Amino acid sequence: MEWIKVLALVAMVYGIWAAYRSLGAPVLHEGSRYFRQPDGSFRRWYGGRRFSASEVGMTEQG
């Protein structure tokens, strides 16, 4: 039964890694990393509020 726990832990770690990898390349601004969202806004890796392009030091892209 221990192997089930180990397998569950490995699956959880893989899921976290895959989710982080899918965020893409971060935009660095004042020491913080922001990830572009499909709607053009930016978010931190852990979620939180949305940031506009001007808040992270980028020009608006049309």
PDB file of N, CA and C in Angstrom:
ATOM      1  N   MET A   1       0.805  -1.202   0.000  1.00  0.00           N
ATOM      2  CA  MET A   1       0.000   0.000   0.000  1.00  0.00           C
ATOM      3  C   MET A   1       0.851   1.271   0.000  1.00  0.00           C
ATOM      4  N   GLU A   2       2.087   1.149   0.439  1.00  0.00           N
ATOM      5  CA  GLU A   2       2.962   2.318   0.427  1.00  0.00           C
ATOM      6  C   GLU A   2       3.230   2.800  -0.992  1.00  0.00           C
ATOM      7  N   TRP A   3       3.265   1.884  -1.942  1.00  0.00           N
ATOM      8  CA  TRP A   3       3.552   2.277  -3.325  1.00  0.00           C
ATOM      9  C   TRP A   3       2.449   3.158  -3.886  1.00  0.00           C
ATOM     10  N   ILE A   4       1.222   2.990  -3.390  1.00  0.00           N
ATOM     11  CA  ILE A   4       0.125   3.852  -3.843  1.00  0.00           C
ATOM     12  C   ILE A   4       0.370   5.289  -3.370  1.00  0.00           C
ATOM     13  N   LYS A   5       0.832   5.439  -2.144  1.00  0.00           N
ATOM     14  CA  LYS A   5       1.130   6.775  -1.618  1.00  0.00           C
ATOM     15  C   LYS A   5       2.274   7.418  -2.393  1.00  0.00           C
ATOM     16  N   VAL A   6       3.297   6.626  -2.699  1.00  0.00           N
ATOM     17  CA  VAL A   6       4.431   7.143  -3.470  1.00  0.00           C
ATOM     18  C   VAL A   6       3.975   7.531  -4.868  1.00  0.00           C
ATOM     19  N   LEU A   7       3.162   6.697  -5.489  1.00  0.00           N
ATOM     20  CA  LEU A   7       2.645   6.995  -6.821  1.00  0.00           C
ATOM     21  C   LEU A   7       1.786   8.266  -6.812  1.00  0.00           C
ATOM     22  N   ALA A   8       0.971   8.432  -5.783  1.00  0.00           N
ATOM     23  CA  ALA A   8       0.149   9.639  -5.666  1.00  0.00           C
ATOM     24  C   ALA A   8       1.022  10.884  -5.505  1.00  0.00           C
ATOM     25  N   LEU A   9       2.080  10.778  -4.728  1.00  0.00           N
ATOM     26  CA  LEU A   9       2.992  11.906  -4.537  1.00  0.00           C
ATOM     27  C   LEU A   9       3.701  12.264  -5.840  1.00  0.00           C
ATOM     28  N   VAL A  10       4.158  11.253  -6.566  1.00  0.00           N
ATOM     29  CA  VAL A  10       4.820  11.494  -7.852  1.00  0.00           C
ATOM     30  C   VAL A  10       3.851  12.143  -8.833  1.00  0.00           C
ATOM     31  N   ALA A  11       2.613  11.678  -8.873  1.00  0.00           N
ATOM     32  CA  ALA A  11       1.613  12.260  -9.772  1.00  0.00           C
ATOM     33  C   ALA A  11       1.320  13.712  -9.404  1.00  0.00           C
ATOM     34  N   MET A  12       1.267  14.015  -8.110  1.00  0.00           N
ATOM     35  CA  MET A  12       1.009  15.381  -7.675  1.00  0.00           C
ATOM     36  C   MET A  12       2.167  16.305  -8.062  1.00  0.00           C
ATOM     37  N   VAL A  13       3.387  15.852  -7.853  1.00  0.00           N
ATOM     38  CA  VAL A  13       4.560  16.658  -8.216  1.00  0.00           C
ATOM     39  C   VAL A  13       4.594  16.892  -9.718  1.00  0.00           C
ATOM     40  N   TYR A  14       4.295  15.865 -10.500  1.00  0.00           N
ATOM     41  CA  TYR A  14       4.265  16.020 -11.956  1.00  0.00           C
ATOM     42  C   TYR A  14       3.189  17.024 -12.375  1.00  0.00           C
ATOM     43  N   GLY A  15       2.033  16.984 -11.752  1.00  0.00           N
ATOM     44  CA  GLY A  15       0.963  17.929 -12.067  1.00  0.00           C
ATOM     45  C   GLY A  15       1.358  19.364 -11.770  1.00  0.00           C
ATOM     46  N   ILE A  16       2.019  19.577 -10.648  1.00  0.00           N
ATOM     47  CA  ILE A  16       2.480  20.925 -10.293  1.00  0.00           C
ATOM     48  C   ILE A  16       3.530  21.400 -11.284  1.00  0.00           C
ATOM     49  N   TRP A  17       4.467  20.536 -11.623  1.00  0.00           N
ATOM     50  CA  TRP A  17       5.516  20.890 -12.582  1.00  0.00           C
ATOM     51  C   TRP A  17       4.923  21.210 -13.952  1.00  0.00           C
ATOM     52  N   ALA A  18       3.974  20.408 -14.419  1.00  0.00           N
ATOM     53  CA  ALA A  18       3.357  20.636 -15.728  1.00  0.00           C
ATOM     54  C   ALA A  18       2.568  21.944 -15.741  1.00  0.00           C
ATOM     55  N   ALA A  19       1.879  22.250 -14.652  1.00  0.00           N
ATOM     56  CA  ALA A  19       1.124  23.501 -14.582  1.00  0.00           C
ATOM     57  C   ALA A  19       2.064  24.705 -14.611  1.00  0.00           C
ATOM     58  N   TYR A  20       3.177  24.636 -13.890  1.00  0.00           N
ATOM     59  CA  TYR A  20       4.136  25.743 -13.880  1.00  0.00           C
ATOM     60  C   TYR A  20       4.786  25.911 -15.248  1.00  0.00           C
ATOM     61  N   ARG A  21       5.126  24.796 -15.886  1.00  0.00           N
ATOM     62  CA  ARG A  21       5.753  24.846 -17.208  1.00  0.00           C
ATOM     63  C   ARG A  21       4.811  25.447 -18.251  1.00  0.00           C
ATOM     64  N   SER A  22       3.515  25.209 -18.103  1.00  0.00           N
ATOM     65  CA  SER A  22       2.556  25.713 -19.084  1.00  0.00           C
ATOM     66  C   SER A  22       2.358  27.223 -18.991  1.00  0.00           C
ATOM     67  N   LEU A  23       2.869  27.858 -17.944  1.00  0.00           N
ATOM     68  CA  LEU A  23       2.722  29.305 -17.805  1.00  0.00           C
ATOM     69  C   LEU A  23       3.516  30.070 -18.858  1.00  0.00           C
ATOM     70  N   GLY A  24       4.545  29.466 -19.391  1.00  0.00           N
ATOM     71  CA  GLY A  24       5.353  30.138 -20.406  1.00  0.00           C
ATOM     72  C   GLY A  24       6.466  30.964 -19.790  1.00  0.00           C
ATOM     73  N   ALA A  25       7.064  31.821 -20.617  1.00  0.00           N
ATOM     74  CA  ALA A  25       8.187  32.643 -20.169  1.00  0.00           C
ATOM     75  C   ALA A  25       7.668  33.826 -19.348  1.00  0.00           C
ATOM     76  N   PRO A  26       8.262  34.077 -18.197  1.00  0.00           N
ATOM     77  CA  PRO A  26       7.806  35.186 -17.367  1.00  0.00           C
ATOM     78  C   PRO A  26       8.331  36.535 -17.861  1.00  0.00           C
ATOM     79  N   VAL A  27       7.610  37.575 -17.486  1.00  0.00           N
ATOM     80  CA  VAL A  27       8.052  38.950 -17.703  1.00  0.00           C
ATOM     81  C   VAL A  27       8.574  39.432 -16.356  1.00  0.00           C
ATOM     82  N   LEU A  28       9.820  39.858 -16.306  1.00  0.00           N
ATOM     83  CA  LEU A  28      10.408  40.339 -15.058  1.00  0.00           C
ATOM     84  C   LEU A  28      10.193  41.844 -14.939  1.00  0.00           C
ATOM     85  N   HIS A  29       9.690  42.283 -13.779  1.00  0.00           N
ATOM     86  CA  HIS A  29       9.481  43.708 -13.529  1.00  0.00           C
ATOM     87  C   HIS A  29       9.731  43.964 -12.051  1.00  0.00           C
ATOM     88  N   GLU A  30      10.734  44.776 -11.755  1.00  0.00           N
ATOM     89  CA  GLU A  30      11.109  45.135 -10.385  1.00  0.00           C
ATOM     90  C   GLU A  30      11.293  43.897  -9.510  1.00  0.00           C
ATOM     91  N   GLY A  31      11.945  42.878 -10.041  1.00  0.00           N
ATOM     92  CA  GLY A  31      12.251  41.686  -9.271  1.00  0.00           C
ATOM     93  C   GLY A  31      11.132  40.666  -9.161  1.00  0.00           C
ATOM     94  N   SER A  32       9.991  40.924  -9.765  1.00  0.00           N
ATOM     95  CA  SER A  32       8.869  39.992  -9.712  1.00  0.00           C
ATOM     96  C   SER A  32       8.608  39.401 -11.086  1.00  0.00           C
ATOM     97  N   ARG A  33       8.112  38.172 -11.092  1.00  0.00           N
ATOM     98  CA  ARG A  33       7.790  37.502 -12.353  1.00  0.00           C
ATOM     99  C   ARG A  33       6.288  37.551 -12.586  1.00  0.00           C
ATOM    100  N   TYR A  34       5.898  37.960 -13.783  1.00  0.00           N
ATOM    101  CA  TYR A  34       4.497  38.004 -14.179  1.00  0.00           C
ATOM    102  C   TYR A  34       4.330  37.162 -15.435  1.00  0.00           C
ATOM    103  N   PHE A  35       3.217  36.435 -15.524  1.00  0.00           N
ATOM    104  CA  PHE A  35       2.964  35.565 -16.663  1.00  0.00           C
ATOM    105  C   PHE A  35       1.771  36.089 -17.443  1.00  0.00           C
ATOM    106  N   ARG A  36       1.929  36.169 -18.762  1.00  0.00           N
ATOM    107  CA  ARG A  36       0.871  36.678 -19.630  1.00  0.00           C
ATOM    108  C   ARG A  36      -0.293  35.692 -19.671  1.00  0.00           C
ATOM    109  N   GLN A  37      -1.501  36.214 -19.562  1.00  0.00           N
ATOM    110  CA  GLN A  37      -2.723  35.426 -19.642  1.00  0.00           C
ATOM    111  C   GLN A  37      -3.313  35.544 -21.046  1.00  0.00           C
ATOM    112  N   PRO A  38      -4.200  34.619 -21.429  1.00  0.00           N
ATOM    113  CA  PRO A  38      -4.789  34.677 -22.778  1.00  0.00           C
ATOM    114  C   PRO A  38      -5.526  35.983 -23.081  1.00  0.00           C
ATOM    115  N   ASP A  39      -6.061  36.647 -22.064  1.00  0.00           N
ATOM    116  CA  ASP A  39      -6.791  37.897 -22.303  1.00  0.00           C
ATOM    117  C   ASP A  39      -5.877  39.118 -22.369  1.00  0.00           C
ATOM    118  N   GLY A  40      -4.567  38.921 -22.263  1.00  0.00           N
ATOM    119  CA  GLY A  40      -3.620  40.029 -22.368  1.00  0.00           C
ATOM    120  C   GLY A  40      -3.185  40.611 -21.038  1.00  0.00           C
ATOM    121  N   SER A  41      -3.813  40.187 -19.950  1.00  0.00           N
ATOM    122  CA  SER A  41      -3.397  40.666 -18.636  1.00  0.00           C
ATOM    123  C   SER A  41      -2.231  39.812 -18.136  1.00  0.00           C
ATOM    124  N   PHE A  42      -1.752  40.129 -16.951  1.00  0.00           N
ATOM    125  CA  PHE A  42      -0.627  39.404 -16.361  1.00  0.00           C
ATOM    126  C   PHE A  42      -1.002  38.959 -14.958  1.00  0.00           C
ATOM    127  N   ARG A  43      -0.443  37.831 -14.520  1.00  0.00           N
ATOM    128  CA  ARG A  43      -0.644  37.337 -13.160  1.00  0.00           C
ATOM    129  C   ARG A  43       0.658  36.786 -12.615  1.00  0.00           C
ATOM    130  N   ARG A  44       0.728  36.701 -11.295  1.00  0.00           N
ATOM    131  CA  ARG A  44       1.865  36.055 -10.646  1.00  0.00           C
ATOM    132  C   ARG A  44       1.683  34.553 -10.771  1.00  0.00           C
ATOM    133  N   TRP A  45       2.708  33.758 -10.461  1.00  0.00           N
ATOM    134  CA  TRP A  45       2.646  32.307 -10.625  1.00  0.00           C
ATOM    135  C   TRP A  45       1.602  31.674  -9.725  1.00  0.00           C
ATOM    136  N   TYR A  46       1.303  32.283  -8.585  1.00  0.00           N
ATOM    137  CA  TYR A  46       0.357  31.716  -7.632  1.00  0.00           C
ATOM    138  C   TYR A  46      -1.061  32.225  -7.832  1.00  0.00           C
ATOM    139  N   GLY A  47      -1.281  33.029  -8.859  1.00  0.00           N
ATOM    140  CA  GLY A  47      -2.623  33.566  -9.095  1.00  0.00           C
ATOM    141  C   GLY A  47      -2.689  35.008  -8.634  1.00  0.00           C
ATOM    142  N   GLY A  48      -3.618  35.286  -7.754  1.00  0.00           N
ATOM    143  CA  GLY A  48      -3.767  36.651  -7.271  1.00  0.00           C
ATOM    144  C   GLY A  48      -4.502  37.523  -8.270  1.00  0.00           C
ATOM    145  N   ARG A  49      -4.417  38.823  -8.063  1.00  0.00           N
ATOM    146  CA  ARG A  49      -5.157  39.734  -8.937  1.00  0.00           C
ATOM    147  C   ARG A  49      -4.485  39.859 -10.292  1.00  0.00           C
ATOM    148  N   ARG A  50      -5.234  40.369 -11.240  1.00  0.00           N
ATOM    149  CA  ARG A  50      -4.699  40.597 -12.583  1.00  0.00           C
ATOM    150  C   ARG A  50      -3.951  41.929 -12.610  1.00  0.00           C
ATOM    151  N   PHE A  51      -2.885  41.978 -13.384  1.00  0.00           N
ATOM    152  CA  PHE A  51      -2.115  43.196 -13.572  1.00  0.00           C
ATOM    153  C   PHE A  51      -2.228  43.594 -15.034  1.00  0.00           C
ATOM    154  N   SER A  52      -2.360  44.881 -15.287  1.00  0.00           N
ATOM    155  CA  SER A  52      -2.386  45.353 -16.670  1.00  0.00           C
ATOM    156  C   SER A  52      -0.954  45.428 -17.193  1.00  0.00           C
ATOM    157  N   ALA A  53      -0.825  45.569 -18.500  1.00  0.00           N
ATOM    158  CA  ALA A  53       0.504  45.640 -19.114  1.00  0.00           C
ATOM    159  C   ALA A  53       1.279  46.850 -18.598  1.00  0.00           C
ATOM    160  N   SER A  54       0.585  47.958 -18.366  1.00  0.00           N
ATOM    161  CA  SER A  54       1.279  49.157 -17.880  1.00  0.00           C
ATOM    162  C   SER A  54       1.798  48.971 -16.450  1.00  0.00           C
ATOM    163  N   GLU A  55       1.137  48.150 -15.655  1.00  0.00           N
ATOM    164  CA  GLU A  55       1.586  47.902 -14.284  1.00  0.00           C
ATOM    165  C   GLU A  55       2.859  47.061 -14.227  1.00  0.00           C
ATOM    166  N   VAL A  56       3.102  46.263 -15.251  1.00  0.00           N
ATOM    167  CA  VAL A  56       4.301  45.421 -15.262  1.00  0.00           C
ATOM    168  C   VAL A  56       5.356  45.976 -16.200  1.00  0.00           C
ATOM    169  N   GLY A  57       5.214  47.221 -16.590  1.00  0.00           N
ATOM    170  CA  GLY A  57       6.246  47.893 -17.365  1.00  0.00           C
ATOM    171  C   GLY A  57       6.266  47.566 -18.837  1.00  0.00           C
ATOM    172  N   MET A  58       5.147  47.109 -19.377  1.00  0.00           N
ATOM    173  CA  MET A  58       5.081  46.804 -20.810  1.00  0.00           C
ATOM    174  C   MET A  58       4.082  47.738 -21.474  1.00  0.00           C
ATOM    175  N   THR A  59       4.288  47.983 -22.754  1.00  0.00           N
ATOM    176  CA  THR A  59       3.333  48.793 -23.498  1.00  0.00           C
ATOM    177  C   THR A  59       2.154  47.926 -23.899  1.00  0.00           C
ATOM    178  N   GLU A  60       1.004  48.539 -24.041  1.00  0.00           N
ATOM    179  CA  GLU A  60      -0.199  47.812 -24.466  1.00  0.00           C
ATOM    180  C   GLU A  60      -0.010  47.292 -25.876  1.00  0.00           C
ATOM    181  N   GLN A  61      -0.405  46.046 -26.086  1.00  0.00           N
ATOM    182  CA  GLN A  61      -0.306  45.459 -27.422  1.00  0.00           C
ATOM    183  C   GLN A  61      -1.703  45.235 -27.964  1.00  0.00           C
ATOM    184  N   GLY A  62      -1.943  45.716 -29.162  1.00  0.00           N
ATOM    185  CA  GLY A  62      -3.275  45.624 -29.743  1.00  0.00           C
ATOM    186  C   GLY A  62      -3.460  44.441 -30.489  1.00  0.00           C
TER     187      GLY A  62
END
